[in-house]
Amino acid sequence: MKSFLKIAVLGLLLSFSSQAMAQTSKYKCMLQMNAYTGEGAYIVVSLINPKGDYEKTLYMMGKDKKWYNGFKEWFKFFSKTQKLDAKTGASIGGGDRTMVNLDIDDAVVNKGYKLRFESSVEDQKYHLSDVEIPLTTEALAGKADGKGYIKYIRFSKVQP
């Protein structure tokens, strides 16, 4: 009976510790696009680790997988796994604005990670780092300007 009780307590402790380690926070991310002509932009939001490598895809704007190879650098990462572990939504046109929700693991905030927003438009230029911000508490409370199709992005934390 004592061994059963020990196993049950150990199981509960492991369950609670894994839940504590996997805490995520939700952020609203508003994207304002520059006025450009042409097709809607596909945008991929990635978590970049401190070494500069892709860690995870957080969001993909654009559902048609045949255009994913337009993201030259991200596609190398994607093609290794062929698994899109992110939410997807519609592409976004020039001058438009959209709001998406991002789930960010609290364990990577203020640890040297970055968020990278890549953008691509059919028959136009690909922007590897249209917006790239350090994944810090400060950056997630503010606004960042884009260098390509994205005019700016603004974050706000969703309160539980």
N, C-alpha and C. Protein backbone atom coordinates (compact mmCIF):
# COMPACT_ATOMS: atom_id res chain seq x y z
N MET A 1 0.82 -1.19 0.00
CA MET A 1 0.00 0.00 0.00
C MET A 1 0.87 1.26 0.00
N LYS A 2 1.97 1.24 0.80
CA LYS A 2 2.85 2.41 0.85
C LYS A 2 3.49 2.65 -0.51
N SER A 3 3.88 1.58 -1.24
CA SER A 3 4.48 1.77 -2.56
C SER A 3 3.48 2.38 -3.53
N PHE A 4 2.24 1.93 -3.48
CA PHE A 4 1.21 2.50 -4.34
C PHE A 4 1.04 4.00 -4.06
N LEU A 5 1.02 4.37 -2.80
CA LEU A 5 0.87 5.77 -2.41
C LEU A 5 2.06 6.59 -2.89
N LYS A 6 3.27 6.04 -2.78
CA LYS A 6 4.46 6.75 -3.24
C LYS A 6 4.40 6.96 -4.76
N ILE A 7 3.97 5.93 -5.48
CA ILE A 7 3.88 6.04 -6.94
C ILE A 7 2.83 7.08 -7.33
N ALA A 8 1.70 7.08 -6.64
CA ALA A 8 0.64 8.04 -6.93
C ALA A 8 1.11 9.47 -6.67
N VAL A 9 1.79 9.70 -5.56
CA VAL A 9 2.30 11.03 -5.23
C VAL A 9 3.35 11.46 -6.26
N LEU A 10 4.25 10.55 -6.63
CA LEU A 10 5.27 10.85 -7.62
C LEU A 10 4.63 11.21 -8.96
N GLY A 11 3.61 10.47 -9.35
CA GLY A 11 2.90 10.77 -10.59
C GLY A 11 2.27 12.15 -10.58
N LEU A 12 1.67 12.52 -9.47
CA LEU A 12 1.07 13.85 -9.35
C LEU A 12 2.13 14.94 -9.43
N LEU A 13 3.25 14.73 -8.74
CA LEU A 13 4.33 15.72 -8.77
C LEU A 13 4.87 15.90 -10.18
N LEU A 14 5.08 14.81 -10.90
CA LEU A 14 5.56 14.90 -12.28
C LEU A 14 4.56 15.61 -13.16
N SER A 15 3.29 15.35 -12.96
CA SER A 15 2.24 16.00 -13.73
C SER A 15 2.25 17.51 -13.50
N PHE A 16 2.33 17.93 -12.25
CA PHE A 16 2.34 19.35 -11.93
C PHE A 16 3.61 20.02 -12.45
N SER A 17 4.75 19.36 -12.34
CA SER A 17 6.00 19.98 -12.79
C SER A 17 6.02 20.12 -14.31
N SER A 18 5.48 19.15 -15.05
CA SER A 18 5.47 19.28 -16.50
C SER A 18 4.50 20.37 -16.93
N GLN A 19 3.40 20.55 -16.19
CA GLN A 19 2.47 21.63 -16.51
C GLN A 19 3.12 22.98 -16.23
N ALA A 20 3.87 23.08 -15.16
CA ALA A 20 4.54 24.34 -14.82
C ALA A 20 5.59 24.68 -15.87
N MET A 21 6.27 23.67 -16.39
CA MET A 21 7.32 23.90 -17.37
C MET A 21 6.73 24.31 -18.72
N ALA A 22 5.51 23.93 -19.00
CA ALA A 22 4.93 24.17 -20.31
C ALA A 22 3.95 25.35 -20.30
N GLN A 23 4.14 26.31 -19.45
CA GLN A 23 3.25 27.47 -19.39
C GLN A 23 3.41 28.33 -20.64
N THR A 24 2.30 28.70 -21.22
CA THR A 24 2.34 29.60 -22.36
C THR A 24 1.45 30.81 -22.07
N SER A 25 1.76 31.88 -22.75
CA SER A 25 0.94 33.09 -22.67
C SER A 25 0.43 33.40 -24.07
N LYS A 26 -0.75 33.97 -24.12
CA LYS A 26 -1.35 34.37 -25.39
C LYS A 26 -1.10 35.85 -25.62
N TYR A 27 -0.75 36.17 -26.85
CA TYR A 27 -0.52 37.55 -27.26
C TYR A 27 -1.33 37.84 -28.51
N LYS A 28 -1.99 38.99 -28.52
CA LYS A 28 -2.61 39.48 -29.74
C LYS A 28 -1.53 40.20 -30.51
N CYS A 29 -1.47 39.92 -31.78
CA CYS A 29 -0.47 40.53 -32.64
C CYS A 29 -1.20 41.20 -33.80
N MET A 30 -1.15 42.52 -33.86
CA MET A 30 -1.79 43.26 -34.92
C MET A 30 -0.75 43.59 -35.98
N LEU A 31 -1.03 43.20 -37.22
CA LEU A 31 -0.14 43.49 -38.34
C LEU A 31 -0.78 44.53 -39.23
N GLN A 32 -0.06 45.61 -39.48
CA GLN A 32 -0.49 46.63 -40.44
C GLN A 32 0.43 46.51 -41.64
N MET A 33 -0.14 46.32 -42.80
CA MET A 33 0.65 46.14 -44.01
C MET A 33 0.89 47.48 -44.71
N ASN A 34 2.03 47.58 -45.39
CA ASN A 34 2.28 48.73 -46.25
C ASN A 34 1.34 48.63 -47.45
N ALA A 35 1.08 49.76 -48.08
CA ALA A 35 0.28 49.75 -49.30
C ALA A 35 1.20 49.30 -50.45
N TYR A 36 0.91 48.15 -51.00
CA TYR A 36 1.66 47.65 -52.16
C TYR A 36 0.64 47.06 -53.12
N THR A 37 1.02 46.87 -54.36
CA THR A 37 0.13 46.25 -55.33
C THR A 37 0.56 44.81 -55.54
N GLY A 38 -0.40 44.00 -55.89
CA GLY A 38 -0.10 42.60 -56.15
C GLY A 38 -0.93 41.69 -55.27
N GLU A 39 -0.60 40.43 -55.31
CA GLU A 39 -1.32 39.41 -54.55
C GLU A 39 -1.17 39.63 -53.04
N GLY A 40 -1.98 38.90 -52.28
CA GLY A 40 -1.88 38.94 -50.83
C GLY A 40 -0.56 38.34 -50.36
N ALA A 41 -0.02 38.91 -49.30
CA ALA A 41 1.26 38.44 -48.76
C ALA A 41 1.03 37.20 -47.91
N TYR A 42 1.94 36.26 -48.04
CA TYR A 42 2.03 35.14 -47.11
C TYR A 42 3.04 35.58 -46.06
N ILE A 43 2.72 35.32 -44.81
CA ILE A 43 3.62 35.71 -43.71
C ILE A 43 3.78 34.51 -42.79
N VAL A 44 5.01 34.20 -42.45
CA VAL A 44 5.28 33.13 -41.50
C VAL A 44 5.95 33.75 -40.27
N VAL A 45 5.46 33.35 -39.09
CA VAL A 45 6.00 33.82 -37.82
C VAL A 45 6.73 32.65 -37.18
N SER A 46 8.01 32.81 -36.92
CA SER A 46 8.83 31.73 -36.40
C SER A 46 9.51 32.11 -35.10
N LEU A 47 9.72 31.11 -34.28
CA LEU A 47 10.54 31.25 -33.08
C LEU A 47 11.96 30.89 -33.48
N ILE A 48 12.88 31.82 -33.24
CA ILE A 48 14.30 31.63 -33.59
C ILE A 48 15.08 31.48 -32.29
N ASN A 49 15.87 30.41 -32.18
CA ASN A 49 16.60 30.16 -30.93
C ASN A 49 17.83 31.05 -30.83
N PRO A 50 18.48 31.07 -29.66
CA PRO A 50 19.65 31.96 -29.47
C PRO A 50 20.80 31.71 -30.46
N LYS A 51 20.85 30.52 -31.08
CA LYS A 51 21.89 30.24 -32.07
C LYS A 51 21.53 30.78 -33.45
N GLY A 52 20.29 31.28 -33.59
CA GLY A 52 19.85 31.81 -34.88
C GLY A 52 19.13 30.80 -35.75
N ASP A 53 18.82 29.64 -35.20
CA ASP A 53 18.15 28.58 -35.95
C ASP A 53 16.64 28.60 -35.71
N TYR A 54 15.91 28.11 -36.70
CA TYR A 54 14.46 27.97 -36.54
C TYR A 54 14.18 26.94 -35.47
N GLU A 55 13.29 27.26 -34.55
CA GLU A 55 12.90 26.34 -33.49
C GLU A 55 11.48 25.83 -33.71
N LYS A 56 10.59 26.75 -34.11
CA LYS A 56 9.19 26.39 -34.23
C LYS A 56 8.48 27.44 -35.08
N THR A 57 7.47 27.00 -35.82
CA THR A 57 6.62 27.92 -36.56
C THR A 57 5.42 28.23 -35.67
N LEU A 58 5.18 29.51 -35.43
CA LEU A 58 4.08 29.92 -34.56
C LEU A 58 2.80 30.25 -35.34
N TYR A 59 2.95 30.76 -36.56
CA TYR A 59 1.78 31.14 -37.34
C TYR A 59 2.14 31.21 -38.81
N MET A 60 1.21 30.81 -39.67
CA MET A 60 1.39 30.93 -41.12
C MET A 60 0.15 31.61 -41.68
N MET A 61 0.35 32.76 -42.31
CA MET A 61 -0.75 33.44 -43.00
C MET A 61 -0.67 33.05 -44.46
N GLY A 62 -1.59 32.24 -44.88
CA GLY A 62 -1.63 31.70 -46.24
C GLY A 62 -1.75 30.20 -46.16
N LYS A 63 -2.86 29.67 -46.63
CA LYS A 63 -3.13 28.24 -46.43
C LYS A 63 -2.65 27.33 -47.55
N ASP A 64 -2.34 27.85 -48.71
CA ASP A 64 -2.00 27.02 -49.86
C ASP A 64 -0.52 26.61 -49.80
N LYS A 65 -0.28 25.35 -49.44
CA LYS A 65 1.09 24.87 -49.23
C LYS A 65 1.98 24.97 -50.47
N LYS A 66 1.39 25.05 -51.64
CA LYS A 66 2.22 25.11 -52.85
C LYS A 66 3.06 26.39 -52.91
N TRP A 67 2.71 27.41 -52.10
CA TRP A 67 3.46 28.66 -52.10
C TRP A 67 4.47 28.74 -50.96
N TYR A 68 4.50 27.73 -50.09
CA TYR A 68 5.41 27.78 -48.93
C TYR A 68 6.88 27.82 -49.36
N ASN A 69 7.20 27.26 -50.51
CA ASN A 69 8.61 27.26 -50.94
C ASN A 69 9.10 28.67 -51.29
N GLY A 70 8.20 29.66 -51.32
CA GLY A 70 8.60 31.05 -51.53
C GLY A 70 9.38 31.62 -50.34
N PHE A 71 9.25 30.97 -49.19
CA PHE A 71 10.03 31.34 -48.00
C PHE A 71 11.30 30.51 -48.02
N LYS A 72 12.29 30.96 -48.75
CA LYS A 72 13.48 30.15 -49.02
C LYS A 72 14.14 29.58 -47.77
N GLU A 73 14.38 30.41 -46.77
CA GLU A 73 15.07 29.93 -45.56
C GLU A 73 14.15 29.09 -44.68
N TRP A 74 12.94 29.58 -44.44
CA TRP A 74 11.99 28.84 -43.60
C TRP A 74 11.65 27.49 -44.23
N PHE A 75 11.54 27.44 -45.56
CA PHE A 75 11.15 26.20 -46.24
C PHE A 75 12.19 25.10 -46.03
N LYS A 76 13.46 25.46 -45.88
CA LYS A 76 14.48 24.45 -45.58
C LYS A 76 14.16 23.78 -44.25
N PHE A 77 13.76 24.57 -43.25
CA PHE A 77 13.37 24.04 -41.94
C PHE A 77 12.09 23.21 -42.07
N PHE A 78 11.08 23.74 -42.75
CA PHE A 78 9.80 23.08 -42.90
C PHE A 78 9.95 21.75 -43.65
N SER A 79 10.75 21.74 -44.71
CA SER A 79 10.86 20.54 -45.54
C SER A 79 11.55 19.38 -44.80
N LYS A 80 12.28 19.67 -43.73
CA LYS A 80 12.88 18.59 -42.94
C LYS A 80 11.83 17.82 -42.16
N THR A 81 10.80 18.52 -41.71
CA THR A 81 9.78 17.88 -40.87
C THR A 81 8.46 17.66 -41.60
N GLN A 82 8.17 18.48 -42.60
CA GLN A 82 6.89 18.47 -43.31
C GLN A 82 5.72 18.55 -42.33
N LYS A 83 5.97 19.19 -41.21
CA LYS A 83 4.94 19.35 -40.19
C LYS A 83 4.79 20.83 -39.88
N LEU A 84 3.59 21.33 -40.12
CA LEU A 84 3.31 22.72 -39.79
C LEU A 84 2.63 22.72 -38.44
N ASP A 85 3.41 23.02 -37.39
CA ASP A 85 2.90 22.96 -36.02
C ASP A 85 2.39 24.32 -35.57
N ALA A 86 1.72 25.01 -36.50
CA ALA A 86 1.25 26.37 -36.21
C ALA A 86 -0.19 26.55 -36.66
N LYS A 87 -0.76 27.63 -36.21
CA LYS A 87 -2.07 28.02 -36.70
C LYS A 87 -1.89 28.60 -38.10
N THR A 88 -2.91 28.49 -38.92
CA THR A 88 -2.86 29.09 -40.24
C THR A 88 -4.06 29.99 -40.44
N GLY A 89 -3.90 30.95 -41.32
CA GLY A 89 -4.98 31.87 -41.64
C GLY A 89 -4.79 32.39 -43.04
N ALA A 90 -5.66 33.27 -43.46
CA ALA A 90 -5.63 33.82 -44.81
C ALA A 90 -4.42 34.72 -45.02
N SER A 91 -4.01 34.83 -46.28
CA SER A 91 -2.98 35.81 -46.62
C SER A 91 -3.56 37.21 -46.41
N ILE A 92 -2.70 38.22 -46.52
CA ILE A 92 -3.14 39.58 -46.22
C ILE A 92 -2.68 40.53 -47.33
N GLY A 93 -3.57 41.39 -47.78
CA GLY A 93 -3.29 42.28 -48.90
C GLY A 93 -2.62 43.58 -48.49
N GLY A 94 -2.13 44.29 -49.50
CA GLY A 94 -1.48 45.57 -49.29
C GLY A 94 -2.41 46.57 -48.64
N GLY A 95 -1.92 47.26 -47.60
CA GLY A 95 -2.69 48.26 -46.89
C GLY A 95 -3.65 47.71 -45.86
N ASP A 96 -3.81 46.39 -45.83
CA ASP A 96 -4.75 45.77 -44.90
C ASP A 96 -4.15 45.63 -43.50
N ARG A 97 -5.02 45.32 -42.58
CA ARG A 97 -4.64 45.10 -41.18
C ARG A 97 -5.31 43.81 -40.73
N THR A 98 -4.61 43.06 -39.90
CA THR A 98 -5.19 41.84 -39.35
C THR A 98 -4.70 41.64 -37.93
N MET A 99 -5.44 40.83 -37.21
CA MET A 99 -5.09 40.49 -35.83
C MET A 99 -4.98 38.97 -35.74
N VAL A 100 -3.88 38.49 -35.18
CA VAL A 100 -3.70 37.06 -34.95
C VAL A 100 -3.32 36.84 -33.49
N ASN A 101 -3.58 35.65 -33.00
CA ASN A 101 -3.19 35.29 -31.64
C ASN A 101 -1.99 34.35 -31.71
N LEU A 102 -0.99 34.64 -30.90
CA LEU A 102 0.21 33.80 -30.82
C LEU A 102 0.30 33.22 -29.42
N ASP A 103 0.58 31.93 -29.33
CA ASP A 103 0.86 31.27 -28.06
C ASP A 103 2.37 31.18 -27.92
N ILE A 104 2.90 31.82 -26.89
CA ILE A 104 4.36 31.86 -26.70
C ILE A 104 4.70 31.21 -25.37
N ASP A 105 5.62 30.26 -25.43
CA ASP A 105 6.08 29.55 -24.25
C ASP A 105 6.82 30.53 -23.34
N ASP A 106 6.36 30.67 -22.11
CA ASP A 106 6.97 31.61 -21.17
C ASP A 106 8.45 31.31 -20.91
N ALA A 107 8.84 30.06 -21.06
CA ALA A 107 10.22 29.66 -20.76
C ALA A 107 11.24 30.25 -21.74
N VAL A 108 10.80 30.74 -22.91
CA VAL A 108 11.75 31.28 -23.88
C VAL A 108 11.81 32.81 -23.87
N VAL A 109 10.92 33.45 -23.12
CA VAL A 109 10.92 34.91 -23.03
C VAL A 109 12.10 35.37 -22.17
N ASN A 110 12.80 36.37 -22.65
CA ASN A 110 13.99 36.93 -21.99
C ASN A 110 15.14 35.92 -21.91
N LYS A 111 15.20 35.00 -22.87
CA LYS A 111 16.26 33.97 -22.88
C LYS A 111 17.08 33.99 -24.16
N GLY A 112 17.04 35.08 -24.93
CA GLY A 112 17.85 35.18 -26.14
C GLY A 112 17.15 34.73 -27.41
N TYR A 113 15.89 34.37 -27.34
CA TYR A 113 15.12 33.97 -28.52
C TYR A 113 14.61 35.20 -29.25
N LYS A 114 14.18 35.01 -30.51
CA LYS A 114 13.62 36.09 -31.31
C LYS A 114 12.35 35.59 -32.00
N LEU A 115 11.53 36.54 -32.39
CA LEU A 115 10.40 36.27 -33.27
C LEU A 115 10.77 36.84 -34.63
N ARG A 116 10.60 36.03 -35.67
CA ARG A 116 10.89 36.48 -37.03
C ARG A 116 9.61 36.41 -37.85
N PHE A 117 9.29 37.52 -38.51
CA PHE A 117 8.17 37.60 -39.43
C PHE A 117 8.75 37.68 -40.83
N GLU A 118 8.58 36.61 -41.62
CA GLU A 118 9.02 36.58 -43.01
C GLU A 118 7.82 36.86 -43.88
N SER A 119 8.03 37.56 -45.00
CA SER A 119 6.92 37.85 -45.90
C SER A 119 7.31 37.56 -47.34
N SER A 120 6.30 37.14 -48.08
CA SER A 120 6.51 36.81 -49.49
C SER A 120 5.23 37.11 -50.26
N VAL A 121 5.41 37.69 -51.44
CA VAL A 121 4.30 37.97 -52.34
C VAL A 121 4.65 37.36 -53.69
N GLU A 122 3.67 36.72 -54.30
CA GLU A 122 3.88 36.08 -55.60
C GLU A 122 4.49 37.05 -56.60
N ASP A 123 5.56 36.61 -57.28
CA ASP A 123 6.27 37.38 -58.30
C ASP A 123 6.87 38.69 -57.79
N GLN A 124 7.07 38.78 -56.47
CA GLN A 124 7.72 39.95 -55.90
C GLN A 124 8.80 39.49 -54.92
N LYS A 125 9.39 40.42 -54.23
CA LYS A 125 10.53 40.15 -53.35
C LYS A 125 10.12 39.38 -52.09
N TYR A 126 11.02 38.51 -51.65
CA TYR A 126 10.90 37.76 -50.40
C TYR A 126 11.70 38.51 -49.34
N HIS A 127 11.08 38.73 -48.18
CA HIS A 127 11.75 39.42 -47.08
C HIS A 127 11.98 38.43 -45.94
N LEU A 128 13.22 38.00 -45.79
CA LEU A 128 13.59 37.03 -44.76
C LEU A 128 13.29 37.56 -43.37
N SER A 129 13.63 38.79 -43.09
CA SER A 129 13.41 39.38 -41.77
C SER A 129 12.63 40.67 -41.94
N ASP A 130 11.39 40.55 -42.40
CA ASP A 130 10.56 41.74 -42.55
C ASP A 130 10.46 42.44 -41.19
N VAL A 131 10.19 41.66 -40.16
CA VAL A 131 10.25 42.14 -38.78
C VAL A 131 10.94 41.05 -37.97
N GLU A 132 11.93 41.43 -37.20
CA GLU A 132 12.58 40.48 -36.29
C GLU A 132 12.80 41.21 -34.97
N ILE A 133 12.24 40.64 -33.92
CA ILE A 133 12.33 41.30 -32.62
C ILE A 133 12.87 40.33 -31.57
N PRO A 134 13.60 40.85 -30.60
CA PRO A 134 14.01 39.98 -29.49
C PRO A 134 12.77 39.57 -28.70
N LEU A 135 12.74 38.35 -28.28
CA LEU A 135 11.58 37.84 -27.53
C LEU A 135 11.77 38.20 -26.06
N THR A 136 11.44 39.47 -25.77
CA THR A 136 11.58 39.99 -24.41
C THR A 136 10.22 40.52 -23.95
N THR A 137 10.09 40.65 -22.65
CA THR A 137 8.86 41.21 -22.08
C THR A 137 8.62 42.61 -22.65
N GLU A 138 9.67 43.39 -22.77
CA GLU A 138 9.56 44.76 -23.28
C GLU A 138 9.08 44.77 -24.74
N ALA A 139 9.69 43.95 -25.58
CA ALA A 139 9.32 43.91 -27.00
C ALA A 139 7.88 43.42 -27.19
N LEU A 140 7.45 42.49 -26.35
CA LEU A 140 6.09 41.96 -26.46
C LEU A 140 5.03 42.92 -25.93
N ALA A 141 5.47 44.05 -25.43
CA ALA A 141 4.53 45.07 -24.95
C ALA A 141 4.51 46.28 -25.88
N GLY A 142 5.19 46.17 -27.02
CA GLY A 142 5.32 47.35 -27.87
C GLY A 142 5.03 47.13 -29.32
N LYS A 143 5.66 47.97 -30.12
CA LYS A 143 5.45 48.05 -31.56
C LYS A 143 6.81 47.88 -32.25
N ALA A 144 6.80 47.24 -33.42
CA ALA A 144 8.03 47.08 -34.19
C ALA A 144 7.73 47.38 -35.65
N ASP A 145 8.61 48.14 -36.29
CA ASP A 145 8.43 48.50 -37.69
C ASP A 145 8.97 47.42 -38.61
N GLY A 146 8.30 47.27 -39.75
CA GLY A 146 8.73 46.31 -40.75
C GLY A 146 9.69 46.92 -41.74
N LYS A 147 10.32 46.04 -42.55
CA LYS A 147 11.28 46.48 -43.55
C LYS A 147 10.81 46.15 -44.97
N GLY A 148 9.69 45.44 -45.08
CA GLY A 148 9.21 45.01 -46.39
C GLY A 148 7.73 45.30 -46.56
N TYR A 149 6.93 44.25 -46.67
CA TYR A 149 5.48 44.40 -46.85
C TYR A 149 4.78 44.79 -45.55
N ILE A 150 5.37 44.47 -44.42
CA ILE A 150 4.77 44.80 -43.13
C ILE A 150 5.17 46.22 -42.75
N LYS A 151 4.17 47.06 -42.48
CA LYS A 151 4.46 48.42 -42.03
C LYS A 151 4.89 48.39 -40.57
N TYR A 152 4.06 47.73 -39.72
CA TYR A 152 4.44 47.54 -38.32
C TYR A 152 3.59 46.44 -37.70
N ILE A 153 4.07 45.96 -36.56
CA ILE A 153 3.30 45.02 -35.76
C ILE A 153 3.23 45.56 -34.34
N ARG A 154 2.16 45.23 -33.67
CA ARG A 154 1.98 45.66 -32.29
C ARG A 154 1.45 44.48 -31.50
N PHE A 155 2.02 44.27 -30.32
CA PHE A 155 1.63 43.16 -29.44
C PHE A 155 0.84 43.66 -28.25
N SER A 156 -0.02 42.82 -27.74
CA SER A 156 -0.63 43.05 -26.44
C SER A 156 -0.92 41.69 -25.82
N LYS A 157 -0.56 41.55 -24.56
CA LYS A 157 -0.74 40.28 -23.86
C LYS A 157 -2.22 40.11 -23.51
N VAL A 158 -2.73 38.91 -23.74
CA VAL A 158 -4.10 38.59 -23.40
C VAL A 158 -4.11 38.15 -21.95
N GLN A 159 -4.88 38.84 -21.15
CA GLN A 159 -4.95 38.52 -19.72
C GLN A 159 -5.82 37.29 -19.50
N PRO A 160 -5.37 36.36 -18.65
CA PRO A 160 -6.15 35.14 -18.40
C PRO A 160 -7.46 35.40 -17.70
